[in-house]
Each structure stands twice: as structure tokens, then as C-alpha cells.
């Protein structure tokens, strides 16, 4: 299946399931996706001093902290990220507040991916138990951003509301039961390919649907409607199983998209959800950003209608 990187942010460029597994992978021929969006416009290239002393780290507790708003400087970015991560992970956080925390989380990771010089000072604001997760998310975002380049114009997509988080989780689990592929890998692919189905459009390689299949691969592994979330997720599970999953996930993911950076990023996101299932709620709410030569642009629901 080879996944040719299409355009998810121009950084997030949509990719495609290319040929059936019996054929060798073709190299990616177009920019790929960045599942760790930053704020738009991009933050300054050098750190800005924080006006106040650094407060103690925000603990990850069952009681969700206030939704942070400031990403002005590395310390403020780190404090906001700590609060957002703690809020997402708290069982006391409502779905509505989880969405707010996720927007801050996404913006903070995009900021830290784009400004590596901020990372040490920002990560120093996090409690010890959240540092490894933050480092992993930054690494995944940096891997995917390295596959992309800014584009001169916005894409001809439509941005739609995805199915509810619980509904999608049910689809992932159904495919896991049927094909033996852990649901976290399916969710991670869905996140990177189309932001959980928010992007509706055809990639530069002709890929379609929430999990991005080109017609020959869909003909070999798909059943039903290529744009239907459950049908597309089941096809991904079927293809991954045929490509070596669950015994050799690296091989299966490389077949899905033949670049080590993609494999590493998907594996990181899946591992984060394995360690804490509530991490899925944050990823679910990440929005679509498109990287242009004039800066990053958010494509909200309704874009292209």
C-alpha cells in the first residue's frame, strides 16, 4: 500500500494508500503531514522573557486546572502545556473542557516543534510525570514536519465535523477485534491522515476517505463506502494485517506509508494512547492547520463548503 504523502497541513498534506501489498512501496512524492500543529502566525524565532517569576510546576491531578491561554515565551508555553496535559488526563474534565485543553495542547506542541530553542525551558515547567509524554509528542510533530514544505496556496478541501469521539473509538475497537491491530494504531493513522476525518478531499496521489486509500488499494482491501468512517477504518485494519500487523507493526506501517519518519510518528502517538487512553481525547480535538509560504492557516469546520 504505499502511502504517498499528500497535504494535511501542507504540512498536514494528505497521503495515499497506493498499491496493494504484493507490490513494492513507491517513495513518497509529495509533502506530508504535521500532526503537531502550532499557533498561527508562527511564534518568534527567539525566546521572549517572561515578565514574572516561574511558578512551581502544575501537578497532574484529578481536579482539572483552568484552561491556559498564554504561549508568550517558553516558560508560559510550558506552563500552558502542563495545564492542558493535566486537564486532558483528569477524569473530572468534561468533554467540552477537554476540547479547550486540546486546542491549547496542540498550539503548544506546534510552537515547540517550530521553536526547538524553547524546548528545554518550556519542558522545565512540566511536572516530571508529564515530561516524557511531552518530549514524545514534540518528536512526533518534528518527524512529520520534516516531511513537508510550505505551499503557495490553500488546498481544495472541505473541512467537516468528525463523528463523535466515542463513536470513532467504537469503530477502532471493532476493527481491532476483527483484524488484531490495536485500536491505538488505527486512531493514530486517522489522526495523521485526516485529523480524525475532518479533511474531505482527494490527495495529490488520488487518495480518498478518512484513512486515505487510492482506488487500487481500496479495490483490494476495502468494503463498502471509501468515505464511510467505519468502512475506511476496517479497510486500514485489513491492510495492516496483510502487511504484517500485529506481529510486525513497523513493517505494516511502512507499507501504509513508506517513510521511517511516518512510522516513528504513528508509533509515538499510538504508544501515548496505550499509556493513557485519555490522551486520545486530546488528539481527537486537534484541528486542521495548513502550512503556507505566508504562515500557518487554520482551516475550520465549514472551510470549502
Foldseek 3Di string as FASTA:
>chain_A
DAWAAFFQQLLLGAIALEAAPVDDYDAHDGFHHFLQAADPFADDQDFDDDPDDQDAADDLDLDQDDQQDDPRGLSSLLNNLQSLVSLLQHPPHDLVVVLSSLQSNSNSLNRCLSHVVSPVNSLVNHPPVCSVLSVLSNLLRNLSSVRHDAAADDDLKAFADAPDPVVLLVLLVVLCVVQVAHSLLLLLLLLSRHLNLRTADAGPSGFGASNTYHVNLCVVQFDDDRNDSSRVSNSLSRRLSVQPPPNCNLRSQCSSHVDVSSSSSSVSRSVVCVVGVSVSSSSSSDFGWHGHPVGIDTQDRGPND
